[in-house]
PDB file of N, CA and C in Angstrom:
ATOM      1  N   MET A   1       0.907  -1.499   0.090  1.00  0.00           N
ATOM      2  CA  MET A   1      -0.345  -0.044  -0.104  1.00  0.00           C
ATOM      3  C   MET A   1       0.533   1.593  -0.148  1.00  0.00           C
ATOM      4  N   THR A   2       0.613   2.310  -0.994  1.00  0.00           N
ATOM      5  CA  THR A   2       1.038   3.363  -1.096  1.00  0.00           C
ATOM      6  C   THR A   2       0.937   4.467   0.327  1.00  0.00           C
ATOM      7  N   ASP A   3       2.674   5.601   0.734  1.00  0.00           N
ATOM      8  CA  ASP A   3       1.793   6.474   1.351  1.00  0.00           C
ATOM      9  C   ASP A   3       0.549   6.502   0.996  1.00  0.00           C
ATOM     10  N   GLU A   4       0.208   7.423   0.133  1.00  0.00           N
ATOM     11  CA  GLU A   4      -0.753   8.122  -0.287  1.00  0.00           C
ATOM     12  C   GLU A   4      -2.348   7.926  -0.159  1.00  0.00           C
ATOM     13  N   LEU A   5      -1.806   6.002  -0.250  1.00  0.00           N
ATOM     14  CA  LEU A   5      -3.259   5.624   0.275  1.00  0.00           C
ATOM     15  C   LEU A   5      -3.655   5.064   0.999  1.00  0.00           C
ATOM     16  N   ARG A   6      -2.307   5.555   2.173  1.00  0.00           N
ATOM     17  CA  ARG A   6      -2.609   4.934   2.815  1.00  0.00           C
ATOM     18  C   ARG A   6      -3.061   6.317   3.983  1.00  0.00           C
ATOM     19  N   LYS A   7      -2.896   7.287   3.286  1.00  0.00           N
ATOM     20  CA  LYS A   7      -3.650   8.668   4.091  1.00  0.00           C
ATOM     21  C   LYS A   7      -4.873   8.232   4.026  1.00  0.00           C
ATOM     22  N   GLU A   8      -4.736   8.720   2.682  1.00  0.00           N
ATOM     23  CA  GLU A   8      -6.307   8.860   1.954  1.00  0.00           C
ATOM     24  C   GLU A   8      -7.227   7.838   2.641  1.00  0.00           C
ATOM     25  N   LEU A   9      -6.941   6.424   3.336  1.00  0.00           N
ATOM     26  CA  LEU A   9      -8.138   5.442   3.832  1.00  0.00           C
ATOM     27  C   LEU A   9      -8.291   5.906   5.370  1.00  0.00           C
ATOM     28  N   LYS A  10      -6.834   6.798   6.091  1.00  0.00           N
ATOM     29  CA  LYS A  10      -7.311   7.528   6.766  1.00  0.00           C
ATOM     30  C   LYS A  10      -8.225   8.986   7.117  1.00  0.00           C
ATOM     31  N   LEU A  11      -8.049   9.433   5.896  1.00  0.00           N
ATOM     32  CA  LEU A  11      -8.863  11.140   6.018  1.00  0.00           C
ATOM     33  C   LEU A  11     -10.081  10.283   5.803  1.00  0.00           C
ATOM     34  N   LYS A  12     -10.018   8.757   4.773  1.00  0.00           N
ATOM     35  CA  LYS A  12     -11.995   8.295   4.842  1.00  0.00           C
ATOM     36  C   LYS A  12     -12.456   7.846   5.790  1.00  0.00           C
ATOM     37  N   ALA A  13     -10.985   7.905   6.867  1.00  0.00           N
ATOM     38  CA  ALA A  13     -11.765   6.745   8.480  1.00  0.00           C
ATOM     39  C   ALA A  13     -11.971   7.245   9.401  1.00  0.00           C
ATOM     40  N   ILE A  14     -11.538   9.179   8.998  1.00  0.00           N
ATOM     41  CA  ILE A  14     -12.280   9.976   9.984  1.00  0.00           C
ATOM     42  C   ILE A  14     -13.507  10.379   9.999  1.00  0.00           C
ATOM     43  N   ASP A  15     -14.210  10.056   8.734  1.00  0.00           N
ATOM     44  CA  ASP A  15     -14.520  10.556   8.015  1.00  0.00           C
ATOM     45  C   ASP A  15     -16.144   9.305   8.231  1.00  0.00           C
ATOM     46  N   VAL A  16     -15.628   8.384   8.165  1.00  0.00           N
ATOM     47  CA  VAL A  16     -16.697   7.533   9.260  1.00  0.00           C
ATOM     48  C   VAL A  16     -17.233   7.204  10.367  1.00  0.00           C
ATOM     49  N   ARG A  17     -15.892   8.077  11.030  1.00  0.00           N
ATOM     50  CA  ARG A  17     -16.244   7.956  11.967  1.00  0.00           C
ATOM     51  C   ARG A  17     -16.946   9.049  12.998  1.00  0.00           C
ATOM     52  N   GLU A  18     -16.835  10.487  12.287  1.00  0.00           N
ATOM     53  CA  GLU A  18     -17.825  11.589  12.184  1.00  0.00           C
ATOM     54  C   GLU A  18     -19.789  11.202  12.065  1.00  0.00           C
ATOM     55  N   GLY A  19     -19.637   9.954  10.857  1.00  0.00           N
ATOM     56  CA  GLY A  19     -21.044   9.663  10.540  1.00  0.00           C
ATOM     57  C   GLY A  19     -21.250   9.115  11.815  1.00  0.00           C
ATOM     58  N   ILE A  20     -21.024   7.792  12.027  1.00  0.00           N
ATOM     59  CA  ILE A  20     -21.048   6.800  13.651  1.00  0.00           C
ATOM     60  C   ILE A  20     -21.516   8.106  14.503  1.00  0.00           C
ATOM     61  N   LEU A  21     -20.923   9.009  14.447  1.00  0.00           N
ATOM     62  CA  LEU A  21     -20.826   9.625  15.279  1.00  0.00           C
ATOM     63  C   LEU A  21     -22.535  10.441  15.432  1.00  0.00           C
ATOM     64  N   THR A  22     -22.374  11.315  14.470  1.00  0.00           N
ATOM     65  CA  THR A  22     -23.706  11.957  13.927  1.00  0.00           C
ATOM     66  C   THR A  22     -24.573  10.903  14.004  1.00  0.00           C
ATOM     67  N   ALA A  23     -24.961   9.281  13.431  1.00  0.00           N
ATOM     68  CA  ALA A  23     -26.031   8.880  13.269  1.00  0.00           C
ATOM     69  C   ALA A  23     -26.470   8.180  14.818  1.00  0.00           C
ATOM     70  N   THR A  24     -24.838   8.041  15.848  1.00  0.00           N
ATOM     71  CA  THR A  24     -26.017   7.415  17.832  1.00  0.00           C
ATOM     72  C   THR A  24     -26.359   8.958  18.021  1.00  0.00           C
ATOM     73  N   HIS A  25     -25.279  10.253  18.029  1.00  0.00           N
ATOM     74  CA  HIS A  25     -26.037  10.936  18.942  1.00  0.00           C
ATOM     75  C   HIS A  25     -27.530  11.508  18.277  1.00  0.00           C
ATOM     76  N   GLY A  26     -27.564  11.587  17.264  1.00  0.00           N
ATOM     77  CA  GLY A  26     -29.009  11.851  16.349  1.00  0.00           C
ATOM     78  C   GLY A  26     -30.336  11.172  17.019  1.00  0.00           C
ATOM     79  N   ALA A  27     -29.577   9.645  16.665  1.00  0.00           N
ATOM     80  CA  ALA A  27     -30.455   8.478  17.544  1.00  0.00           C
ATOM     81  C   ALA A  27     -30.669   8.491  19.570  1.00  0.00           C
ATOM     82  N   LYS A  28     -30.251   9.367  20.053  1.00  0.00           N
ATOM     83  CA  LYS A  28     -30.144   9.453  20.967  1.00  0.00           C
ATOM     84  C   LYS A  28     -30.121   7.833  21.887  1.00  0.00           C
ATOM     85  N   ALA A  29     -29.330   7.083  20.684  1.00  0.00           N
ATOM     86  CA  ALA A  29     -29.684   6.008  21.324  1.00  0.00           C
ATOM     87  C   ALA A  29     -28.672   5.237  21.212  1.00  0.00           C
ATOM     88  N   GLY A  30     -27.370   4.113  21.176  1.00  0.00           N
ATOM     89  CA  GLY A  30     -26.476   3.171  21.108  1.00  0.00           C
ATOM     90  C   GLY A  30     -25.484   3.733  21.909  1.00  0.00           C
ATOM     91  N   HIS A  31     -24.411   2.283  20.906  1.00  0.00           N
ATOM     92  CA  HIS A  31     -23.096   2.455  21.852  1.00  0.00           C
ATOM     93  C   HIS A  31     -21.746   2.684  20.761  1.00  0.00           C
ATOM     94  N   PRO A  32     -21.163   3.457  20.122  1.00  0.00           N
ATOM     95  CA  PRO A  32     -20.297   4.010  19.298  1.00  0.00           C
ATOM     96  C   PRO A  32     -19.020   3.225  19.594  1.00  0.00           C
ATOM     97  N   GLY A  33     -18.914   2.410  20.620  1.00  0.00           N
ATOM     98  CA  GLY A  33     -17.432   1.855  21.362  1.00  0.00           C
ATOM     99  C   GLY A  33     -17.062   0.762  19.475  1.00  0.00           C
ATOM    100  N   GLY A  34     -17.767   0.452  19.611  1.00  0.00           N
ATOM    101  CA  GLY A  34     -17.268  -1.607  18.098  1.00  0.00           C
ATOM    102  C   GLY A  34     -17.247  -0.228  17.562  1.00  0.00           C
ATOM    103  N   SER A  35     -18.391  -0.010  17.183  1.00  0.00           N
ATOM    104  CA  SER A  35     -18.078   0.841  14.896  1.00  0.00           C
ATOM    105  C   SER A  35     -17.166   1.831  14.796  1.00  0.00           C
ATOM    106  N   LEU A  36     -16.635   2.521  16.222  1.00  0.00           N
ATOM    107  CA  LEU A  36     -15.852   3.111  16.135  1.00  0.00           C
ATOM    108  C   LEU A  36     -14.265   2.849  15.795  1.00  0.00           C
ATOM    109  N   SER A  37     -14.172   1.898  16.406  1.00  0.00           N
ATOM    110  CA  SER A  37     -13.235   0.572  16.601  1.00  0.00           C
ATOM    111  C   SER A  37     -12.935  -0.022  15.390  1.00  0.00           C
ATOM    112  N   ALA A  38     -14.047  -0.196  14.460  1.00  0.00           N
ATOM    113  CA  ALA A  38     -14.024  -1.018  13.261  1.00  0.00           C
ATOM    114  C   ALA A  38     -13.823  -0.267  12.162  1.00  0.00           C
ATOM    115  N   ALA A  39     -13.984   1.185  11.617  1.00  0.00           N
ATOM    116  CA  ALA A  39     -13.942   2.079  10.880  1.00  0.00           C
ATOM    117  C   ALA A  39     -12.981   1.490  10.011  1.00  0.00           C
ATOM    118  N   ASP A  40     -11.728   1.894  11.048  1.00  0.00           N
ATOM    119  CA  ASP A  40     -10.596   1.657   9.439  1.00  0.00           C
ATOM    120  C   ASP A  40     -10.757   0.279   8.930  1.00  0.00           C
ATOM    121  N   VAL A  41     -11.061  -0.583   9.258  1.00  0.00           N
ATOM    122  CA  VAL A  41     -10.930  -2.310   8.785  1.00  0.00           C
ATOM    123  C   VAL A  41     -11.764  -1.675   7.491  1.00  0.00           C
ATOM    124  N   PHE A  42     -13.409  -1.275   8.388  1.00  0.00           N
ATOM    125  CA  PHE A  42     -14.264  -1.134   7.275  1.00  0.00           C
ATOM    126  C   PHE A  42     -13.973  -0.245   6.031  1.00  0.00           C
ATOM    127  N   THR A  43     -13.735   0.737   6.277  1.00  0.00           N
ATOM    128  CA  THR A  43     -13.379   2.266   5.181  1.00  0.00           C
ATOM    129  C   THR A  43     -12.052   0.963   3.970  1.00  0.00           C
ATOM    130  N   TYR A  44     -11.111  -0.039   4.723  1.00  0.00           N
ATOM    131  CA  TYR A  44     -10.659  -1.068   3.611  1.00  0.00           C
ATOM    132  C   TYR A  44     -11.106  -1.480   3.302  1.00  0.00           C
ATOM    133  N   LEU A  45     -11.789  -2.314   3.701  1.00  0.00           N
ATOM    134  CA  LEU A  45     -12.653  -3.120   2.809  1.00  0.00           C
ATOM    135  C   LEU A  45     -13.301  -2.065   1.165  1.00  0.00           C
ATOM    136  N   TYR A  46     -14.203  -1.618   2.550  1.00  0.00           N
ATOM    137  CA  TYR A  46     -15.457  -1.516   0.954  1.00  0.00           C
ATOM    138  C   TYR A  46     -14.296  -0.156  -0.059  1.00  0.00           C
ATOM    139  N   ASN A  47     -13.309  -0.246   0.710  1.00  0.00           N
ATOM    140  CA  ASN A  47     -12.836   1.099  -1.049  1.00  0.00           C
ATOM    141  C   ASN A  47     -11.345   0.375  -1.634  1.00  0.00           C
ATOM    142  N   VAL A  48     -11.356  -0.866  -0.388  1.00  0.00           N
ATOM    143  CA  VAL A  48      -9.328  -1.427  -1.676  1.00  0.00           C
ATOM    144  C   VAL A  48      -9.659  -3.045  -1.979  1.00  0.00           C
ATOM    145  N   GLU A  49     -10.762  -4.215  -1.298  1.00  0.00           N
ATOM    146  CA  GLU A  49     -10.275  -5.596  -0.742  1.00  0.00           C
ATOM    147  C   GLU A  49     -11.890  -5.725  -2.061  1.00  0.00           C
ATOM    148  N   MET A  50     -13.576  -4.230  -1.987  1.00  0.00           N
ATOM    149  CA  MET A  50     -14.553  -5.495  -1.962  1.00  0.00           C
ATOM    150  C   MET A  50     -14.709  -4.993  -3.612  1.00  0.00           C
ATOM    151  N   ASN A  51     -15.125  -6.002  -4.023  1.00  0.00           N
ATOM    152  CA  ASN A  51     -15.725  -5.380  -6.384  1.00  0.00           C
ATOM    153  C   ASN A  51     -16.892  -4.475  -5.869  1.00  0.00           C
ATOM    154  N   ILE A  52     -17.088  -3.859  -5.323  1.00  0.00           N
ATOM    155  CA  ILE A  52     -18.700  -2.578  -5.290  1.00  0.00           C
ATOM    156  C   ILE A  52     -18.732  -1.423  -5.938  1.00  0.00           C
ATOM    157  N   ASP A  53     -19.380  -1.148  -6.395  1.00  0.00           N
ATOM    158  CA  ASP A  53     -19.135  -0.537  -7.782  1.00  0.00           C
ATOM    159  C   ASP A  53     -20.884   0.792  -7.217  1.00  0.00           C
ATOM    160  N   PRO A  54     -20.249   1.554  -6.536  1.00  0.00           N
ATOM    161  CA  PRO A  54     -21.762   2.461  -5.825  1.00  0.00           C
ATOM    162  C   PRO A  54     -22.529   2.879  -6.797  1.00  0.00           C
ATOM    163  N   LYS A  55     -22.485   2.724  -7.891  1.00  0.00           N
ATOM    164  CA  LYS A  55     -23.354   3.661  -9.382  1.00  0.00           C
ATOM    165  C   LYS A  55     -24.426   2.216 -10.002  1.00  0.00           C
ATOM    166  N   ASP A  56     -23.621   0.895  -9.189  1.00  0.00           N
ATOM    167  CA  ASP A  56     -24.275   0.209  -9.658  1.00  0.00           C
ATOM    168  C   ASP A  56     -24.777  -1.140  -8.743  1.00  0.00           C
ATOM    169  N   PRO A  57     -25.278  -0.441  -7.984  1.00  0.00           N
ATOM    170  CA  PRO A  57     -25.531  -1.470  -6.602  1.00  0.00           C
ATOM    171  C   PRO A  57     -26.230  -2.622  -6.736  1.00  0.00           C
ATOM    172  N   LYS A  58     -26.665  -2.647  -7.836  1.00  0.00           N
ATOM    173  CA  LYS A  58     -27.669  -4.480  -8.515  1.00  0.00           C
ATOM    174  C   LYS A  58     -26.824  -5.055  -9.209  1.00  0.00           C
ATOM    175  N   LYS A  59     -25.170  -4.963  -9.499  1.00  0.00           N
ATOM    176  CA  LYS A  59     -24.340  -5.474 -10.085  1.00  0.00           C
ATOM    177  C   LYS A  59     -24.199  -7.181  -9.976  1.00  0.00           C
ATOM    178  N   GLU A  60     -24.592  -7.921 -10.495  1.00  0.00           N
ATOM    179  CA  GLU A  60     -24.311  -9.075 -10.660  1.00  0.00           C
ATOM    180  C   GLU A  60     -22.982  -9.899 -10.324  1.00  0.00           C
ATOM    181  N   ASP A  61     -22.034  -9.457 -10.539  1.00  0.00           N
ATOM    182  CA  ASP A  61     -20.564 -10.059  -9.561  1.00  0.00           C
ATOM    183  C   ASP A  61     -20.372  -9.495  -8.670  1.00  0.00           C
ATOM    184  N   ARG A  62     -21.114  -8.234  -7.782  1.00  0.00           N
ATOM    185  CA  ARG A  62     -20.464  -7.633  -6.964  1.00  0.00           C
ATOM    186  C   ARG A  62     -19.891  -8.330  -6.309  1.00  0.00           C
ATOM    187  N   ASP A  63     -19.192  -7.926  -5.218  1.00  0.00           N
ATOM    188  CA  ASP A  63     -19.272  -8.654  -3.642  1.00  0.00           C
ATOM    189  C   ASP A  63     -20.377  -8.255  -2.097  1.00  0.00           C
ATOM    190  N   ARG A  64     -20.639  -9.237  -2.159  1.00  0.00           N
ATOM    191  CA  ARG A  64     -21.643  -9.024  -0.445  1.00  0.00           C
ATOM    192  C   ARG A  64     -20.910  -9.022   0.477  1.00  0.00           C
ATOM    193  N   PHE A  65     -21.568  -8.382   1.691  1.00  0.00           N
ATOM    194  CA  PHE A  65     -21.044  -8.832   2.899  1.00  0.00           C
ATOM    195  C   PHE A  65     -21.999  -8.095   3.469  1.00  0.00           C
ATOM    196  N   VAL A  66     -22.161  -9.498   4.531  1.00  0.00           N
ATOM    197  CA  VAL A  66     -23.131  -9.539   5.560  1.00  0.00           C
ATOM    198  C   VAL A  66     -23.106  -9.378   6.743  1.00  0.00           C
ATOM    199  N   LEU A  67     -23.309  -8.691   7.682  1.00  0.00           N
ATOM    200  CA  LEU A  67     -23.143  -7.688   9.078  1.00  0.00           C
ATOM    201  C   LEU A  67     -24.669  -8.532   9.639  1.00  0.00           C
ATOM    202  N   SER A  68     -24.691  -8.374  10.972  1.00  0.00           N
ATOM    203  CA  SER A  68     -25.517  -8.553  11.933  1.00  0.00           C
ATOM    204  C   SER A  68     -25.431  -8.196  13.005  1.00  0.00           C
ATOM    205  N   THR A  69     -24.179  -6.626  13.194  1.00  0.00           N
ATOM    206  CA  THR A  69     -23.756  -5.604  13.691  1.00  0.00           C
ATOM    207  C   THR A  69     -22.606  -4.816  13.019  1.00  0.00           C
ATOM    208  N   LEU A  70     -22.857  -3.682  14.290  1.00  0.00           N
ATOM    209  CA  LEU A  70     -21.811  -2.619  13.463  1.00  0.00           C
ATOM    210  C   LEU A  70     -22.439  -2.056  12.787  1.00  0.00           C
ATOM    211  N   THR A  71     -23.768  -2.070  12.675  1.00  0.00           N
ATOM    212  CA  THR A  71     -24.393  -1.145  11.173  1.00  0.00           C
ATOM    213  C   THR A  71     -24.682   0.248  11.201  1.00  0.00           C
ATOM    214  N   PRO A  72     -23.975   1.323  12.357  1.00  0.00           N
ATOM    215  CA  PRO A  72     -23.742   2.637  12.189  1.00  0.00           C
ATOM    216  C   PRO A  72     -22.441   2.661  11.402  1.00  0.00           C
ATOM    217  N   THR A  73     -21.574   1.920  11.475  1.00  0.00           N
ATOM    218  CA  THR A  73     -20.096   2.037  10.567  1.00  0.00           C
ATOM    219  C   THR A  73     -20.288   1.345   9.480  1.00  0.00           C
ATOM    220  N   PHE A  74     -20.750   0.826   9.003  1.00  0.00           N
ATOM    221  CA  PHE A  74     -21.287  -0.255   8.055  1.00  0.00           C
ATOM    222  C   PHE A  74     -21.951   1.298   6.988  1.00  0.00           C
ATOM    223  N   ARG A  75     -23.381   1.900   7.530  1.00  0.00           N
ATOM    224  CA  ARG A  75     -23.571   2.784   6.464  1.00  0.00           C
ATOM    225  C   ARG A  75     -22.907   4.113   6.464  1.00  0.00           C
ATOM    226  N   ALA A  76     -21.823   4.583   7.608  1.00  0.00           N
ATOM    227  CA  ALA A  76     -20.976   5.666   7.755  1.00  0.00           C
ATOM    228  C   ALA A  76     -20.464   5.749   5.873  1.00  0.00           C
ATOM    229  N   THR A  77     -19.410   4.125   6.395  1.00  0.00           N
ATOM    230  CA  THR A  77     -18.964   3.842   5.502  1.00  0.00           C
ATOM    231  C   THR A  77     -19.198   4.338   4.007  1.00  0.00           C
ATOM    232  N   ARG A  78     -20.516   4.098   3.551  1.00  0.00           N
ATOM    233  CA  ARG A  78     -21.039   4.038   2.376  1.00  0.00           C
ATOM    234  C   ARG A  78     -21.355   5.177   2.083  1.00  0.00           C
ATOM    235  N   THR A  79     -20.989   6.416   2.716  1.00  0.00           N
ATOM    236  CA  THR A  79     -21.563   7.317   2.101  1.00  0.00           C
ATOM    237  C   THR A  79     -20.157   8.577   1.815  1.00  0.00           C
TER     238      THR A  79
END
């Protein structure tokens, strides 16, 4: 991984954390700790490893990610 990509992902992960805090504060409920700690992993997976095209979410050969918890992290990562 290049230094430039690492820096870009770090900045995106910060945005994800802001989204998590905004969502949990807005809901006036939730425990953001787990979601905040997963922000780097989700950011990396979504932006580097997974075959996902936000402009074509129904693409047949896209990767799928099944998640049972940490929903605020997932939602914040996709924005």
